[in-house]
Protein backbone atom coordinates (compact mmCIF):
# COMPACT_ATOMS: atom_id res chain seq x y z
CA MET A 1 85.81 110.85 131.83
CA PRO A 2 87.62 108.61 129.16
CA GLY A 3 91.26 108.24 129.52
CA LEU A 4 93.56 107.88 126.67
CA LEU A 5 97.57 107.16 127.06
CA LYS A 6 99.06 108.81 123.95
CA ILE A 7 102.72 107.53 123.14
CA ASN A 8 105.26 108.57 120.61
CA ASN A 9 108.96 109.54 120.76
CA TYR A 10 108.37 113.48 120.28
CA PHE A 11 106.03 115.72 121.36
CA TYR A 12 106.32 118.28 119.09
CA ARG A 13 105.43 118.81 115.31
CA ARG A 14 108.78 117.16 113.67
CA GLY A 15 107.35 114.99 110.76
CA GLY A 16 104.22 113.20 109.32
CA ALA A 17 103.90 110.76 112.32
CA GLU A 18 104.18 113.69 114.95
CA ALA A 19 101.62 115.61 112.97
CA VAL A 20 98.89 112.73 113.12
CA PHE A 21 99.84 112.00 117.09
CA LEU A 22 99.43 115.59 117.75
CA ASP A 23 96.47 116.09 115.94
CA HIS A 24 95.15 113.11 117.70
CA ILE A 25 95.65 114.58 120.87
CA ALA A 26 93.74 117.63 120.09
CA MET A 27 91.01 116.00 118.52
CA PHE A 28 90.20 113.75 121.48
CA GLU A 29 91.02 116.53 124.01
CA GLN A 30 88.23 118.87 122.33
CA ALA A 31 85.56 115.66 122.67
CA GLY A 32 86.19 115.75 126.27
CA TRP A 33 88.64 112.94 126.88
CA ASP A 34 91.41 112.93 129.34
CA VAL A 35 94.83 112.52 127.62
CA VAL A 36 97.94 111.85 128.82
CA PRO A 37 100.90 112.18 126.67
CA PHE A 38 104.43 110.02 127.07
CA ALA A 39 107.06 110.71 125.01
CA MET A 40 110.91 111.83 125.25
CA LYS A 41 112.05 114.94 126.69
CA HIS A 42 113.28 117.78 124.22
CA GLU A 43 114.10 121.26 123.96
CA LEU A 44 111.59 121.47 121.00
CA ASN A 45 108.35 119.83 123.04
CA HIS A 46 105.26 121.14 123.49
CA PRO A 47 104.35 122.17 127.60
CA SER A 48 102.80 119.39 129.30
CA PRO A 49 102.19 118.57 133.18
CA TRP A 50 103.36 115.31 132.33
CA SER A 51 106.93 115.97 130.93
CA ASP A 52 108.63 115.25 134.14
CA TYR A 53 107.38 111.83 133.26
CA PHE A 54 109.08 111.81 129.96
CA VAL A 55 112.56 109.63 129.16
CA SER A 56 115.81 111.14 128.98
CA GLU A 57 116.61 112.87 125.41
CA ILE A 58 118.86 110.48 123.13
CA GLU A 59 119.66 112.59 119.90
CA TYR A 60 122.13 110.68 117.26
CA GLY A 61 123.17 113.33 115.62
CA ARG A 62 124.86 114.84 118.63
CA GLN A 63 128.46 114.86 119.53
CA THR A 64 128.71 112.43 122.57
CA ARG A 65 131.48 110.52 124.84
CA PRO A 66 131.72 106.96 123.81
CA LEU A 67 130.63 105.82 127.36
CA THR A 68 127.08 107.84 126.80
CA LYS A 69 126.87 106.38 122.73
CA ILE A 70 127.12 102.71 124.54
CA ARG A 71 124.38 103.53 127.13
CA GLN A 72 122.14 105.20 124.46
CA ALA A 73 122.83 102.00 122.16
CA ALA A 74 121.39 100.13 125.04
CA LYS A 75 118.39 102.27 125.37
CA VAL A 76 117.79 101.85 121.52
CA ILE A 77 117.33 98.41 122.28
CA TYR A 78 115.54 98.06 125.43
CA SER A 79 114.64 100.88 127.54
CA PHE A 80 113.98 100.14 131.08
CA GLU A 81 113.99 103.82 132.01
CA ALA A 82 110.96 104.45 129.70
CA GLN A 83 109.35 101.20 131.47
CA ARG A 84 109.97 102.45 135.06
CA ASN A 85 108.47 106.00 134.04
CA LEU A 86 105.57 104.55 132.19
CA ALA A 87 104.51 102.77 135.10
CA ARG A 88 104.41 105.59 137.12
CA VAL A 89 102.46 107.39 134.89
CA ILE A 90 100.03 104.62 134.90
CA GLU A 91 99.91 104.46 138.85
CA LYS A 92 99.21 108.29 138.66
CA ARG A 93 96.27 108.21 135.90
CA ARG A 94 95.30 104.71 134.99
CA PRO A 95 94.28 104.98 131.01
CA ALA A 96 91.51 103.09 129.77
CA VAL A 97 93.55 102.82 126.52
CA ALA A 98 96.81 103.35 124.91
CA HIS A 99 97.81 104.32 121.55
CA ALA A 100 101.09 104.58 120.21
CA HIS A 101 102.85 105.99 117.27
CA ASN A 102 106.61 105.55 116.62
CA VAL A 103 108.52 104.65 119.56
CA TYR A 104 111.81 102.63 118.31
CA HIS A 105 115.17 103.92 118.95
CA HIS A 106 113.92 106.21 121.71
CA LEU A 107 111.23 105.12 124.20
CA SER A 108 111.34 101.26 122.83
CA PRO A 109 109.08 98.91 122.40
CA ALA A 110 109.77 97.73 126.08
CA ILE A 111 106.97 99.82 127.04
CA PHE A 112 104.67 97.48 125.30
CA SER A 113 105.15 94.73 127.99
CA THR A 114 104.49 97.24 130.69
CA LEU A 115 101.22 97.99 129.37
CA LYS A 116 100.37 94.33 128.61
CA SER A 117 101.49 93.79 132.21
CA ALA A 118 98.84 96.37 133.59
CA GLY A 119 96.27 95.12 131.47
CA ILE A 120 95.83 98.14 129.39
CA PRO A 121 94.50 97.75 125.83
CA THR A 122 97.03 98.72 123.53
CA VAL A 123 97.12 100.00 119.75
CA MET A 124 100.30 101.46 117.47
CA THR A 125 99.47 103.08 114.38
CA VAL A 126 102.24 102.21 111.94
CA HIS A 127 103.82 104.98 110.12
CA ASP A 128 106.50 103.16 108.36
CA LEU A 129 107.63 99.55 107.84
CA LYS A 130 110.08 99.03 110.80
CA LEU A 131 107.93 96.26 111.65
CA ALA A 132 108.79 94.45 108.86
CA CYS A 133 112.12 95.55 107.62
CA PRO A 134 114.99 96.34 110.37
CA SER A 135 115.45 99.68 107.96
CA TYR A 136 112.37 101.34 108.34
CA LYS A 137 111.94 102.83 105.10
CA MET A 138 112.84 99.72 103.22
CA LEU A 139 115.52 100.92 101.32
CA ARG A 140 119.35 100.05 100.59
CA ASP A 141 121.27 102.19 98.47
CA ASN A 142 118.20 104.64 98.01
CA LYS A 143 116.78 101.56 96.33
CA VAL A 144 113.64 99.48 97.83
CA CYS A 145 114.70 96.60 99.14
CA GLU A 146 113.07 93.28 100.49
CA LYS A 147 116.07 91.29 101.08
CA CYS A 148 115.44 90.84 104.87
CA LYS A 149 111.64 88.97 104.25
CA GLY A 150 111.80 85.64 105.79
CA GLY A 151 113.73 86.15 108.57
CA HIS A 152 116.93 87.25 106.65
CA THR A 153 117.51 90.15 108.81
CA TYR A 154 121.28 89.86 108.87
CA ASN A 155 121.14 91.93 105.72
CA VAL A 156 121.26 94.84 107.53
CA LEU A 157 124.52 94.13 108.62
CA VAL A 158 125.72 92.50 105.64
CA HIS A 159 124.64 95.72 103.59
CA ARG A 160 125.16 98.48 106.15
CA CYS A 161 121.74 99.70 105.43
CA ILE A 162 121.56 102.24 108.25
CA LYS A 163 123.48 105.17 107.27
CA GLY A 164 126.43 102.94 105.66
CA SER A 165 127.53 102.27 109.09
CA ALA A 166 128.48 98.77 109.98
CA VAL A 167 128.18 100.19 113.81
CA LEU A 168 124.95 101.38 113.63
CA SER A 169 123.37 98.44 111.36
CA GLY A 170 124.90 96.00 113.74
CA VAL A 171 122.97 97.87 116.90
CA VAL A 172 119.72 97.87 114.47
CA LEU A 173 119.90 94.21 114.10
CA ALA A 174 120.63 93.44 117.58
CA GLU A 175 117.33 95.44 118.34
CA THR A 176 115.57 93.49 115.72
CA LEU A 177 116.64 90.14 116.84
CA LEU A 178 115.78 90.76 120.74
CA HIS A 179 112.49 92.58 119.82
CA ARG A 180 111.29 89.73 117.91
CA SER A 181 112.49 86.91 120.28
CA LEU A 182 110.70 88.69 122.96
CA GLY A 183 107.78 89.26 121.08
CA LEU A 184 107.49 93.03 122.30
CA TYR A 185 105.26 94.20 119.28
CA ARG A 186 103.30 90.78 118.58
CA LYS A 187 102.31 89.68 121.80
CA ASN A 188 101.59 92.83 123.52
CA LEU A 189 99.75 94.87 121.09
CA ASP A 190 96.15 94.56 120.56
CA ARG A 191 96.09 95.92 117.08
CA LEU A 192 98.43 97.72 114.34
CA VAL A 193 96.36 101.08 113.14
CA VAL A 194 97.55 101.14 109.39
CA PRO A 195 96.73 104.35 107.01
CA SER A 196 97.19 102.73 104.01
CA ARG A 197 96.08 99.27 102.51
CA PHE A 198 99.32 98.78 100.77
CA TYR A 199 101.33 98.89 103.98
CA MET A 200 98.80 96.22 105.39
CA ASP A 201 99.01 93.72 102.34
CA LYS A 202 103.19 94.65 103.01
CA LEU A 203 102.97 93.38 106.59
CA GLU A 204 100.88 90.53 105.84
CA GLU A 205 103.23 89.43 103.32
CA TRP A 206 106.38 89.73 105.77
CA GLY A 207 104.31 87.68 108.20
CA TRP A 208 101.93 89.86 110.36
CA PRO A 209 98.36 88.55 110.73
CA ARG A 210 95.80 90.26 108.86
CA GLU A 211 93.36 90.05 111.70
CA GLN A 212 95.94 91.85 114.30
CA MET A 213 95.57 95.00 111.85
CA VAL A 214 92.92 97.33 111.18
CA TYR A 215 92.80 100.16 108.21
CA ILE A 216 92.02 103.75 109.22
CA PRO A 217 93.20 106.24 106.93
CA ASN A 218 94.95 109.51 107.97
CA PHE A 219 92.41 112.66 108.71
CA ILE A 220 92.69 116.07 108.12
CA ASP A 221 90.35 119.03 109.24
CA ALA A 222 89.74 120.53 105.79
CA GLY A 223 87.38 123.46 107.10
CA SER A 224 90.51 124.75 108.63
CA PHE A 225 92.49 125.28 105.19
CA GLU A 226 91.82 128.24 102.86
CA THR A 227 90.58 128.03 99.36
CA GLY A 228 90.31 130.36 96.56
CA TRP A 229 93.94 130.94 95.64
CA ALA A 230 95.48 132.56 92.97
CA LYS A 231 97.12 130.23 90.48
CA PRO A 232 99.96 131.82 88.86
CA GLY A 233 101.60 128.89 87.20
CA TYR A 234 104.07 126.30 88.74
CA PHE A 235 104.52 123.08 90.29
CA ALA A 236 105.53 122.33 93.79
CA PHE A 237 107.27 119.70 95.71
CA ALA A 238 107.52 120.05 99.80
CA GLY A 239 109.39 117.85 101.74
CA ARG A 240 112.99 116.44 102.66
CA LEU A 241 115.46 116.97 99.93
CA ALA A 242 116.37 112.97 100.09
CA PRO A 243 117.34 110.59 97.18
CA GLU A 244 114.09 108.36 97.79
CA LYS A 245 111.62 111.16 97.27
CA GLY A 246 112.45 111.26 93.62
CA ILE A 247 113.22 115.00 93.46
CA GLY A 248 115.91 114.46 90.64
CA THR A 249 113.40 112.84 88.41
CA LEU A 250 111.10 115.76 89.00
CA ILE A 251 114.03 118.64 88.14
CA ARG A 252 114.49 116.44 84.89
CA ALA A 253 110.82 116.45 83.96
CA ALA A 254 110.38 120.14 84.84
CA ALA A 255 113.14 120.71 82.35
CA LEU A 256 111.83 118.04 79.68
CA SER A 257 108.27 119.88 79.82
CA LYS A 258 109.68 123.23 80.41
CA GLN A 259 107.38 123.97 83.67
CA LYS A 260 108.49 125.95 86.60
CA LEU A 261 109.10 123.99 89.80
CA VAL A 262 109.21 125.64 93.45
CA ILE A 263 110.87 123.05 95.75
CA ALA A 264 110.43 123.57 99.74
CA GLY A 265 112.34 121.81 102.04
CA THR A 266 115.87 121.37 102.87
CA GLY A 267 117.99 118.02 103.06
CA PRO A 268 121.32 116.19 102.25
CA GLU A 269 120.73 116.18 98.41
CA GLU A 270 120.20 120.02 98.18
CA ALA A 271 123.48 120.74 96.55
CA SER A 272 123.24 118.13 94.14
CA LEU A 273 119.93 118.94 92.96
CA ARG A 274 120.70 122.49 92.54
CA ALA A 275 123.69 121.27 90.24
CA LEU A 276 121.17 119.31 88.30
CA ALA A 277 118.66 122.02 88.14
CA ALA A 278 121.48 124.15 86.72
CA SER A 279 122.72 121.34 84.25
CA THR A 280 119.39 120.46 82.64
CA GLY A 281 118.46 124.29 82.71
CA ALA A 282 115.17 123.90 84.61
CA ASP A 283 113.20 126.45 85.76
CA VAL A 284 113.44 125.67 89.63
CA VAL A 285 113.26 128.03 92.45
CA PHE A 286 114.15 126.49 95.98
CA ALA A 287 112.37 128.15 98.58
CA GLY A 288 114.22 126.36 101.61
CA TYR A 289 112.08 125.43 104.57
CA LEU A 290 108.58 126.47 104.69
CA SER A 291 105.83 125.58 107.20
CA GLY A 292 102.67 126.84 108.25
CA ALA A 293 100.78 129.65 106.59
CA ALA A 294 103.92 129.92 104.01
CA LEU A 295 103.96 126.37 103.42
CA HIS A 296 99.71 126.52 102.53
CA ARG A 297 100.27 129.64 100.42
CA LEU A 298 102.88 127.55 98.17
CA ILE A 299 100.73 124.75 97.95
CA GLY A 300 97.36 126.57 97.33
CA GLU A 301 98.87 128.80 94.53
CA ALA A 302 100.71 125.83 93.06
CA THR A 303 99.04 124.30 89.84
CA ALA A 304 99.48 120.80 91.42
CA LEU A 305 101.62 119.22 94.42
CA VAL A 306 103.83 116.49 92.80
CA LEU A 307 104.88 113.56 95.11
CA PRO A 308 107.70 111.67 92.79
CA SER A 309 108.51 109.67 95.40
CA GLU A 310 110.75 106.38 94.84
CA TRP A 311 110.19 104.47 97.76
CA TYR A 312 107.22 102.75 100.11
CA GLU A 313 105.39 105.74 100.94
CA ASN A 314 102.53 105.07 103.33
CA ALA A 315 99.75 107.80 103.39
CA PRO A 316 101.54 111.36 103.14
CA ILE A 317 99.58 113.88 104.81
CA SER A 318 101.01 116.17 102.19
CA VAL A 319 98.36 115.01 99.80
CA LEU A 320 95.51 115.55 102.09
CA GLU A 321 96.62 118.97 102.91
CA ALA A 322 97.10 119.61 98.98
CA TYR A 323 93.51 118.42 98.36
CA ALA A 324 92.10 120.68 101.24
CA LEU A 325 93.80 123.73 99.83
CA GLU A 326 91.85 122.60 96.45
CA THR A 327 95.27 121.62 95.03
CA PRO A 328 95.37 118.50 92.61
CA VAL A 329 98.49 116.14 93.02
CA ILE A 330 100.18 114.17 90.50
CA GLY A 331 102.14 111.31 92.24
CA THR A 332 103.98 107.78 91.66
CA ARG A 333 102.40 104.49 91.29
CA ILE A 334 104.31 103.15 94.56
CA GLY A 335 103.28 102.42 98.06
CA GLY A 336 100.28 103.65 99.55
CA ILE A 337 100.02 107.07 97.29
CA PRO A 338 97.89 105.61 94.24
CA GLU A 339 95.13 105.31 97.29
CA LEU A 340 95.01 108.67 97.56
CA ILE A 341 94.76 110.00 93.95
CA ARG A 342 91.66 109.55 91.71
CA ASP A 343 93.43 109.61 88.17
CA GLY A 344 92.05 112.14 86.04
CA GLU A 345 89.76 113.08 89.04
CA THR A 346 92.15 114.60 91.87
CA GLY A 347 95.07 114.51 90.00
CA TYR A 348 97.48 112.04 87.76
CA MET A 349 99.49 108.93 88.71
CA VAL A 350 103.10 108.25 86.89
CA ALA A 351 105.63 105.65 87.00
CA PRO A 352 108.15 106.22 89.43
CA GLY A 353 111.49 106.89 88.40
CA ALA A 354 110.21 107.96 85.01
CA PRO A 355 111.31 111.64 84.13
CA ASP A 356 109.07 111.41 80.80
CA ASP A 357 106.14 110.12 82.19
CA LEU A 358 106.35 112.61 84.89
CA ALA A 359 107.04 115.51 82.08
CA ALA A 360 104.10 114.52 80.19
CA ALA A 361 101.64 114.51 83.31
CA LEU A 362 103.05 118.16 84.24
CA ALA A 363 102.45 119.14 80.47
CA ARG A 364 98.91 117.54 80.77
CA MET A 365 98.15 119.40 83.78
CA ALA A 366 99.44 122.81 82.94
CA ALA A 367 97.33 121.97 79.44
CA LEU A 368 93.98 122.14 81.39
CA SER A 369 91.67 125.04 81.63
CA ALA A 370 91.53 126.84 84.95
CA GLY A 371 88.05 126.08 85.01
CA ALA A 372 88.88 122.17 84.69
CA ARG A 373 91.72 122.31 86.95
CA HIS A 374 89.69 124.02 89.56
CA ALA A 375 87.21 121.52 89.14
CA MET A 376 89.79 118.75 90.02
CA GLY A 377 90.75 120.95 93.34
CA LYS A 378 87.02 121.11 94.36
CA THR A 379 86.37 117.19 93.79
CA ALA A 380 89.77 116.63 95.96
CA ARG A 381 88.74 119.05 98.77
CA GLN A 382 84.97 117.38 98.67
CA TRP A 383 86.98 113.74 98.85
CA VAL A 384 88.78 114.64 101.82
CA SER A 385 86.24 116.49 103.57
CA THR A 386 84.02 113.23 103.75
CA VAL A 387 86.55 110.08 103.57
CA PHE A 388 89.36 111.23 105.38
CA SER A 389 87.63 113.80 107.56
CA SER A 390 88.63 114.33 111.59
CA ALA A 391 84.74 112.73 112.25
CA ALA A 392 85.54 109.60 110.16
CA TYR A 393 89.23 109.22 112.06
CA PHE A 394 87.38 109.82 115.57
CA ARG A 395 84.57 107.19 114.77
CA ALA A 396 86.59 104.42 113.38
CA THR A 397 89.37 104.71 116.37
CA THR A 398 86.69 105.07 119.11
CA GLU A 399 85.06 101.93 117.80
CA LEU A 400 88.49 100.26 117.70
CA TYR A 401 89.21 101.29 121.37
CA SER A 402 85.86 99.99 122.47
CA SER A 403 86.19 96.81 120.31
CA LEU A 404 89.36 95.96 122.71
CA GLY A 405 87.05 96.19 125.76
CA ALA A 406 88.03 99.86 126.69
CA ALA A 407 85.13 101.31 128.66
CA LEU A 408 84.78 104.36 126.76
CA PRO A 409 81.54 106.49 126.95
CA THR A 410 81.04 108.40 123.78
CA PRO A 411 81.48 111.99 124.35
CA ALA A 412 78.07 114.19 123.65
CA GLY A 413 78.02 115.76 120.38
CA ARG A 414 80.11 113.47 118.26
């Protein structure tokens, strides 16, 4: 039975990276693979017979004693505990290949040298731009910033890019300098799995060799999503209420176009966004945090899902989910979003940070006949059912593993 070691900071459905991580595990287990998870201990983790091997929890939002904070900072930079525990996992059940997702700040890339020493082919899916910029979103003061390009990583401390804190920014700078001096990523990872071509280009701009990267888009099982939703006439946003998401621009656009907007999510900008909606007279409903069937219903019944992002998004799963629900998407021309929208066929594209442009797109979508919007949704679902299917992802990923010399027999039926 082929053995796969799956690595991520968290072992519960926390965000987009965790969704890919957990869905990958389920897919390969269903195909008959022996999958071993490795993560950080957390009260929300899914149960696993391997949880005793997980590393101690680090949760930055909690109040801790000064000595604990110092110990946590040391683990952020280089976790010997993660190395020891991973070595125990390898001794217990040696995998044919390892596939990591998000590891920094919790597990740390120290684990990659452990895998390299054990001779285990290792790949990592790139979910953000941490491998290029110390500030993983490549943001400063909520704006895209590339000042650290060319090795000028000291800018992360100069501009206090990490939560406006000199201490946290200093820790991240020290982390970056150590990891790069040791080559923990570059020397130990065999391939980077990159879900968007934009991120491939951006990483190459920042010095990563193209031959170390492989493009494998995210996936979704469209067959598990319902269709045929009623469309009562509103646009939807779903996600964290943070400045870089462009929700303020969306609210202004909703006011300009006189379209109803439903916002699902919570976050630091909620109070200011509510105030903006009131001051502009926009018809906005704040639905709070939604997940599962409730979120699917919200998006399925929407005229369109809107992604007004103003930062370098990678390859948002939310777009694929909307398509699977036969809902078109209006998104900004930034990051990897344009790769997921066929303008005029599965949705519309607009300039980031431009309320007038977005308002025009909302009005244009609302003015379409129900039949035209339904056709757009069906085209979108057909697209994700082929190009972004779980079968396509499975095939591309196993081909990558095999190319690295992992002796992995192809399970029957795939």
